C-alpha atoms as a PDB file:
ATOM      1  CA  MET A   1     126.907 132.551 118.638  1.00  0.00           C
ATOM      2  CA  THR A   2     124.474 135.076 117.110  1.00  0.00           C
ATOM      3  CA  MET A   3     122.589 133.685 112.971  1.00  0.00           C
ATOM      4  CA  SER A   4     123.907 136.044 112.179  1.00  0.00           C
ATOM      5  CA  GLN A   5     127.848 135.658 113.458  1.00  0.00           C
ATOM      6  CA  SER A   6     126.765 132.103 111.783  1.00  0.00           C
ATOM      7  CA  LEU A   7     126.142 133.405 108.955  1.00  0.00           C
ATOM      8  CA  THR A   8     128.771 135.881 108.400  1.00  0.00           C
ATOM      9  CA  LYS A   9     131.342 133.009 109.216  1.00  0.00           C
ATOM     10  CA  VAL A  10     129.503 130.495 106.438  1.00  0.00           C
ATOM     11  CA  SER A  11     129.105 133.087 104.491  1.00  0.00           C
ATOM     12  CA  ILE A  12     133.208 134.463 104.840  1.00  0.00           C
ATOM     13  CA  VAL A  13     133.870 130.729 103.711  1.00  0.00           C
ATOM     14  CA  PHE A  14     131.238 130.147 100.909  1.00  0.00           C
ATOM     15  CA  LEU A  15     132.994 132.939  99.235  1.00  0.00           C
ATOM     16  CA  LEU A  16     136.804 131.712  99.835  1.00  0.00           C
ATOM     17  CA  LEU A  17     135.675 128.235  98.189  1.00  0.00           C
ATOM     18  CA  VAL A  18     133.220 130.330  95.217  1.00  0.00           C
ATOM     19  CA  ALA A  19     136.576 131.985  93.916  1.00  0.00           C
ATOM     20  CA  LEU A  20     138.762 128.681  94.555  1.00  0.00           C
ATOM     21  CA  ILE A  21     136.520 126.344  91.888  1.00  0.00           C
ATOM     22  CA  THR A  22     135.579 130.157  89.981  1.00  0.00           C
ATOM     23  CA  THR A  23     139.447 130.297  89.901  1.00  0.00           C
ATOM     24  CA  ALA A  24     139.758 126.926  89.088  1.00  0.00           C
ATOM     25  CA  GLN A  25     137.222 126.516  86.461  1.00  0.00           C
ATOM     26  CA  ALA A  26     138.380 129.772  84.465  1.00  0.00           C
ATOM     27  CA  GLN A  27     140.077 128.100  81.579  1.00  0.00           C
ATOM     28  CA  HIS A  28     136.159 126.398  80.653  1.00  0.00           C
ATOM     29  CA  ASN A  29     133.770 129.383  81.777  1.00  0.00           C
ATOM     30  CA  ASP A  30     131.959 129.657  79.092  1.00  0.00           C
ATOM     31  CA  THR A  31     128.812 129.015  81.350  1.00  0.00           C
ATOM     32  CA  PRO A  32     127.790 131.824  84.034  1.00  0.00           C
ATOM     33  CA  ASN A  33     127.866 131.979  87.763  1.00  0.00           C
ATOM     34  CA  SER A  34     125.776 133.121  90.379  1.00  0.00           C
ATOM     35  CA  ILE A  35     125.881 134.713  93.821  1.00  0.00           C
ATOM     36  CA  GLY A  36     123.145 135.622  96.180  1.00  0.00           C
ATOM     37  CA  ILE A  37     121.607 134.905  99.349  1.00  0.00           C
ATOM     38  CA  ARG A  38     119.103 133.320  99.655  1.00  0.00           C
ATOM     39  CA  ILE A  39     115.965 133.804 102.371  1.00  0.00           C
ATOM     40  CA  GLY A  40     113.885 130.737 103.714  1.00  0.00           C
ATOM     41  CA  ASP A  41     115.066 127.496 105.431  1.00  0.00           C
ATOM     42  CA  PRO A  42     117.807 128.103 104.920  1.00  0.00           C
ATOM     43  CA  ILE A  43     118.961 131.246 105.272  1.00  0.00           C
ATOM     44  CA  GLY A  44     121.949 131.506 103.362  1.00  0.00           C
ATOM     45  CA  VAL A  45     124.100 132.242 100.905  1.00  0.00           C
ATOM     46  CA  SER A  46     123.663 130.430  97.509  1.00  0.00           C
ATOM     47  CA  TYR A  47     125.916 129.627  94.697  1.00  0.00           C
ATOM     48  CA  LYS A  48     124.564 128.459  90.885  1.00  0.00           C
ATOM     49  CA  ARG A  49     126.860 127.143  88.854  1.00  0.00           C
ATOM     50  CA  TYR A  50     125.135 127.402  85.295  1.00  0.00           C
ATOM     51  CA  LEU A  51     126.427 123.902  83.036  1.00  0.00           C
ATOM     52  CA  PRO A  52     125.293 122.920  79.268  1.00  0.00           C
ATOM     53  CA  ASN A  53     122.345 121.687  78.006  1.00  0.00           C
ATOM     54  CA  ASN A  54     119.789 123.261  80.521  1.00  0.00           C
ATOM     55  CA  LYS A  55     121.756 121.244  83.680  1.00  0.00           C
ATOM     56  CA  ALA A  56     123.079 123.274  86.797  1.00  0.00           C
ATOM     57  CA  PHE A  57     125.018 122.729  89.929  1.00  0.00           C
ATOM     58  CA  GLU A  58     123.346 124.195  93.452  1.00  0.00           C
ATOM     59  CA  PHE A  59     124.981 125.134  96.827  1.00  0.00           C
ATOM     60  CA  VAL A  60     123.771 126.796  99.802  1.00  0.00           C
ATOM     61  CA  LEU A  61     124.778 127.467 102.660  1.00  0.00           C
ATOM     62  CA  GLY A  62     123.422 129.129 106.306  1.00  0.00           C
ATOM     63  CA  GLY A  63     120.655 128.407 108.605  1.00  0.00           C
ATOM     64  CA  ALA A  64     117.859 127.044 110.689  1.00  0.00           C
ATOM     65  CA  ALA A  65     115.975 131.011 111.551  1.00  0.00           C
ATOM     66  CA  ARG A  66     115.134 131.338 115.234  1.00  0.00           C
ATOM     67  CA  GLY A  67     112.050 128.120 115.983  1.00  0.00           C
ATOM     68  CA  TRP A  68     111.543 126.968 112.704  1.00  0.00           C
ATOM     69  CA  TYR A  69     112.696 123.701 114.197  1.00  0.00           C
ATOM     70  CA  ASP A  70     110.673 123.965 117.369  1.00  0.00           C
ATOM     71  CA  ARG A  71     108.412 121.234 117.641  1.00  0.00           C
ATOM     72  CA  TYR A  72     111.499 118.389 115.745  1.00  0.00           C
ATOM     73  CA  TYR A  73     113.771 118.697 118.468  1.00  0.00           C
ATOM     74  CA  GLU A  74     110.909 118.253 120.572  1.00  0.00           C
ATOM     75  CA  ASP A  75     109.381 115.303 118.794  1.00  0.00           C
ATOM     76  CA  SER A  76     112.641 114.734 118.504  1.00  0.00           C
ATOM     77  CA  PHE A  77     113.093 113.983 122.060  1.00  0.00           C
ATOM     78  CA  ASP A  78     111.486 110.796 122.317  1.00  0.00           C
ATOM     79  CA  HIS A  79     113.581 109.317 119.761  1.00  0.00           C
ATOM     80  CA  PHE A  80     116.424 109.759 122.537  1.00  0.00           C
ATOM     81  CA  SER A  81     117.296 105.906 123.908  1.00  0.00           C
ATOM     82  CA  ARG A  82     118.781 107.876 127.155  1.00  0.00           C
ATOM     83  CA  TYR A  83     115.943 109.828 127.336  1.00  0.00           C
ATOM     84  CA  ASP A  84     113.597 106.872 127.274  1.00  0.00           C
ATOM     85  CA  ASP A  85     113.050 108.090 131.685  1.00  0.00           C
ATOM     86  CA  ASP A  86     112.847 110.937 131.265  1.00  0.00           C
ATOM     87  CA  ARG A  87     109.827 113.614 130.654  1.00  0.00           C
ATOM     88  CA  TYR A  88     111.134 116.588 128.367  1.00  0.00           C
ATOM     89  CA  ILE A  89     109.627 119.997 130.068  1.00  0.00           C
ATOM     90  CA  THR A  90     111.050 122.248 126.597  1.00  0.00           C
ATOM     91  CA  HIS A  91     114.336 123.452 124.510  1.00  0.00           C
ATOM     92  CA  ARG A  92     116.636 125.943 123.167  1.00  0.00           C
ATOM     93  CA  VAL A  93     117.984 125.297 119.974  1.00  0.00           C
ATOM     94  CA  LYS A  94     121.406 127.308 120.682  1.00  0.00           C
ATOM     95  CA  SER A  95     122.767 127.083 116.543  1.00  0.00           C
ATOM     96  CA  THR A  96     121.958 125.978 113.427  1.00  0.00           C
ATOM     97  CA  PHE A  97     124.191 125.093 110.409  1.00  0.00           C
ATOM     98  CA  THR A  98     122.730 124.065 106.740  1.00  0.00           C
ATOM     99  CA  ALA A  99     124.405 122.926 103.706  1.00  0.00           C
ATOM    100  CA  LEU A 100     123.020 121.504 100.212  1.00  0.00           C
ATOM    101  CA  GLY A 101     124.277 120.072  96.824  1.00  0.00           C
ATOM    102  CA  ARG A 102     121.646 119.524  94.722  1.00  0.00           C
ATOM    103  CA  TYR A 103     121.208 119.454  90.853  1.00  0.00           C
ATOM    104  CA  LEU A 104     118.949 120.372  88.240  1.00  0.00           C
ATOM    105  CA  PHE A 105     117.230 120.802  84.909  1.00  0.00           C
ATOM    106  CA  GLN A 106     116.083 124.009  83.747  1.00  0.00           C
ATOM    107  CA  TYR A 107     113.043 124.892  81.094  1.00  0.00           C
ATOM    108  CA  ASN A 108     112.898 128.142  79.427  1.00  0.00           C
ATOM    109  CA  ILE A 109     109.153 129.394  80.056  1.00  0.00           C
ATOM    110  CA  PRO A 110     108.453 131.624  77.005  1.00  0.00           C
ATOM    111  CA  MET A 111     106.775 135.635  78.185  1.00  0.00           C
ATOM    112  CA  GLU A 112     105.721 138.078  76.122  1.00  0.00           C
ATOM    113  CA  GLY A 113     105.063 141.902  76.845  1.00  0.00           C
ATOM    114  CA  PRO A 114     107.907 143.635  78.510  1.00  0.00           C
ATOM    115  CA  ALA A 115     109.091 140.777  80.639  1.00  0.00           C
ATOM    116  CA  SER A 116     110.174 138.504  77.832  1.00  0.00           C
ATOM    117  CA  GLU A 117     113.404 141.144  77.443  1.00  0.00           C
ATOM    118  CA  GLY A 118     113.743 138.079  80.489  1.00  0.00           C
ATOM    119  CA  THR A 119     114.461 135.234  80.921  1.00  0.00           C
ATOM    120  CA  LEU A 120     112.324 132.619  82.747  1.00  0.00           C
ATOM    121  CA  ASP A 121     113.108 129.511  84.227  1.00  0.00           C
ATOM    122  CA  TRP A 122     111.302 127.114  85.597  1.00  0.00           C
ATOM    123  CA  TYR A 123     113.749 123.691  87.296  1.00  0.00           C
ATOM    124  CA  TRP A 124     113.435 120.980  89.404  1.00  0.00           C
ATOM    125  CA  GLY A 125     116.065 118.765  90.588  1.00  0.00           C
ATOM    126  CA  ILE A 126     116.871 116.429  93.553  1.00  0.00           C
ATOM    127  CA  GLY A 127     119.964 116.769  95.636  1.00  0.00           C
ATOM    128  CA  GLY A 128     121.305 116.374  99.327  1.00  0.00           C
ATOM    129  CA  MET A 129     121.414 118.517 102.694  1.00  0.00           C
ATOM    130  CA  LEU A 130     123.946 117.798 105.973  1.00  0.00           C
ATOM    131  CA  ARG A 131     122.177 120.355 109.473  1.00  0.00           C
ATOM    132  CA  THR A 132     124.048 120.605 112.525  1.00  0.00           C
ATOM    133  CA  ALA A 133     122.235 122.180 115.621  1.00  0.00           C
ATOM    134  CA  LYS A 134     123.413 122.680 119.024  1.00  0.00           C
ATOM    135  CA  VAL A 135     120.414 122.056 121.030  1.00  0.00           C
ATOM    136  CA  ARG A 136     119.720 122.574 125.354  1.00  0.00           C
ATOM    137  CA  TYR A 137     116.727 119.410 125.940  1.00  0.00           C
ATOM    138  CA  ARG A 138     115.812 120.357 129.854  1.00  0.00           C
ATOM    139  CA  TYR A 139     113.751 117.538 130.858  1.00  0.00           C
ATOM    140  CA  GLN A 140     112.602 115.737 133.997  1.00  0.00           C
ATOM    141  CA  GLN A 141     113.712 112.154 135.837  1.00  0.00           C
ATOM    142  CA  GLU A 142     110.436 110.115 135.863  1.00  0.00           C
ATOM    143  CA  ASN A 143     111.350 107.713 138.929  1.00  0.00           C
ATOM    144  CA  ALA A 144     112.982 108.643 142.100  1.00  0.00           C
ATOM    145  CA  PRO A 145     114.405 111.585 142.446  1.00  0.00           C
ATOM    146  CA  PHE A 146     111.551 113.320 139.823  1.00  0.00           C
ATOM    147  CA  ALA A 147     115.722 115.699 139.738  1.00  0.00           C
ATOM    148  CA  ILE A 148     115.435 118.287 136.983  1.00  0.00           C
ATOM    149  CA  ARG A 149     118.597 118.459 134.478  1.00  0.00           C
ATOM    150  CA  ASP A 150     119.283 119.713 131.251  1.00  0.00           C
ATOM    151  CA  ASP A 151     121.548 118.542 128.385  1.00  0.00           C
ATOM    152  CA  GLU A 152     123.052 119.723 125.301  1.00  0.00           C
ATOM    153  CA  ARG A 153     122.970 117.418 122.778  1.00  0.00           C
ATOM    154  CA  ASN A 154     124.803 118.632 118.464  1.00  0.00           C
ATOM    155  CA  ASP A 155     121.768 116.874 116.795  1.00  0.00           C
ATOM    156  CA  ILE A 156     123.691 115.918 113.060  1.00  0.00           C
ATOM    157  CA  THR A 157     120.671 115.499 110.103  1.00  0.00           C
ATOM    158  CA  MET A 158     121.157 114.268 106.922  1.00  0.00           C
ATOM    159  CA  GLY A 159     119.236 113.032 104.208  1.00  0.00           C
ATOM    160  CA  THR A 160     118.076 113.828 100.570  1.00  0.00           C
ATOM    161  CA  GLU A 161     115.415 116.150  98.823  1.00  0.00           C
ATOM    162  CA  ALA A 162     112.954 117.021  96.157  1.00  0.00           C
ATOM    163  CA  ILE A 163     113.702 121.161  94.006  1.00  0.00           C
ATOM    164  CA  GLY A 164     111.564 122.343  92.299  1.00  0.00           C
ATOM    165  CA  GLY A 165     111.287 125.890  91.780  1.00  0.00           C
ATOM    166  CA  ILE A 166     111.236 129.276  89.773  1.00  0.00           C
ATOM    167  CA  GLU A 167     114.113 131.366  88.388  1.00  0.00           C
ATOM    168  CA  TYR A 168     113.726 135.363  85.897  1.00  0.00           C
ATOM    169  CA  THR A 169     117.309 137.193  85.034  1.00  0.00           C
ATOM    170  CA  PHE A 170     117.013 140.242  84.004  1.00  0.00           C
ATOM    171  CA  GLU A 171     118.394 141.685  80.655  1.00  0.00           C
ATOM    172  CA  ASP A 172     120.241 145.264  81.317  1.00  0.00           C
ATOM    173  CA  ILE A 173     121.351 144.406  85.010  1.00  0.00           C
ATOM    174  CA  PRO A 174     123.322 140.519  85.920  1.00  0.00           C
ATOM    175  CA  LEU A 175     120.735 139.468  88.227  1.00  0.00           C
ATOM    176  CA  THR A 176     118.600 136.374  88.897  1.00  0.00           C
ATOM    177  CA  LEU A 177     115.163 136.083  91.673  1.00  0.00           C
ATOM    178  CA  PHE A 178     114.128 132.535  92.564  1.00  0.00           C
ATOM    179  CA  GLY A 179     111.578 130.971  94.655  1.00  0.00           C
ATOM    180  CA  GLU A 180     111.411 127.295  94.926  1.00  0.00           C
ATOM    181  CA  PHE A 181     109.958 125.043  96.972  1.00  0.00           C
ATOM    182  CA  SER A 182     111.147 120.974  98.266  1.00  0.00           C
ATOM    183  CA  LEU A 183     111.057 117.967 100.066  1.00  0.00           C
ATOM    184  CA  PHE A 184     113.378 117.133 102.375  1.00  0.00           C
ATOM    185  CA  VAL A 185     113.213 112.363 103.422  1.00  0.00           C
ATOM    186  CA  GLU A 186     115.884 111.722 106.186  1.00  0.00           C
ATOM    187  CA  PHE A 187     118.295 109.628 106.719  1.00  0.00           C
ATOM    188  CA  VAL A 188     119.979 110.435 109.907  1.00  0.00           C
ATOM    189  CA  ASP A 189     118.871 110.835 113.073  1.00  0.00           C
ATOM    190  CA  ARG A 190     115.500 109.553 112.514  1.00  0.00           C
ATOM    191  CA  PRO A 191     114.798 107.721 108.928  1.00  0.00           C
ATOM    192  CA  GLY A 192     111.564 108.264 106.688  1.00  0.00           C
ATOM    193  CA  ALA A 193     110.907 111.967 109.036  1.00  0.00           C
ATOM    194  CA  ILE A 194     109.213 113.740 105.558  1.00  0.00           C
ATOM    195  CA  LYS A 195     109.603 118.183 105.724  1.00  0.00           C
ATOM    196  CA  PHE A 196     108.460 120.595 104.140  1.00  0.00           C
ATOM    197  CA  SER A 197     110.316 123.549 102.688  1.00  0.00           C
ATOM    198  CA  GLY A 198     110.964 126.954 100.692  1.00  0.00           C
ATOM    199  CA  GLY A 199     112.817 129.184  99.989  1.00  0.00           C
ATOM    200  CA  THR A 200     113.107 132.755  97.987  1.00  0.00           C
ATOM    201  CA  GLY A 201     115.934 135.357  96.734  1.00  0.00           C
ATOM    202  CA  ALA A 202     119.104 136.585  94.347  1.00  0.00           C
ATOM    203  CA  ARG A 203     121.281 135.982  92.473  1.00  0.00           C
ATOM    204  CA  PHE A 204     124.219 138.518  91.325  1.00  0.00           C
ATOM    205  CA  ASN A 205     125.511 136.562  87.611  1.00  0.00           C
ATOM    206  CA  PHE A 206     129.112 136.777  86.391  1.00  0.00           C
END
């Protein structure tokens, strides 16, 4: 399955989930919702629910671009005890899935000039991430008969992240543009591994 096919299926499920959440909260819908596309790590769909007192929830579902985690999965080979007597040759990431959940704090940035017709905010927050990947390794036994083998494994990664970003919401159209960065600390399956990532995108407000 290609990444585009995976993201299409993820997007459909995500939109259904958002529809259910929005319907369930319709009687309390005095704060806006926002949904759109995120480009970066991960690439996917972003849904943001703005809350009173300058707070927000955000959920992201998506996947990673091909080649983004090559070094990570190459290094992971040496962390798996099942490969202790084997020598890494190469690998291929066949598919990935990432889910993010975040709790955010929003702060307005005063502006002057034409851009001041919209709203500029910066935000920070904390969140959790779950990532799965299907990885196919090729390796060679270091002892006789020195056979070259292939092995496919499902890798599961979980951890927490700290997020910081900025977003601009237009006054005349229900559109928000955003850019952000994050620091991820892994708990499973390589405890203590650290990764920096970022993303940008646009969301439609309703």
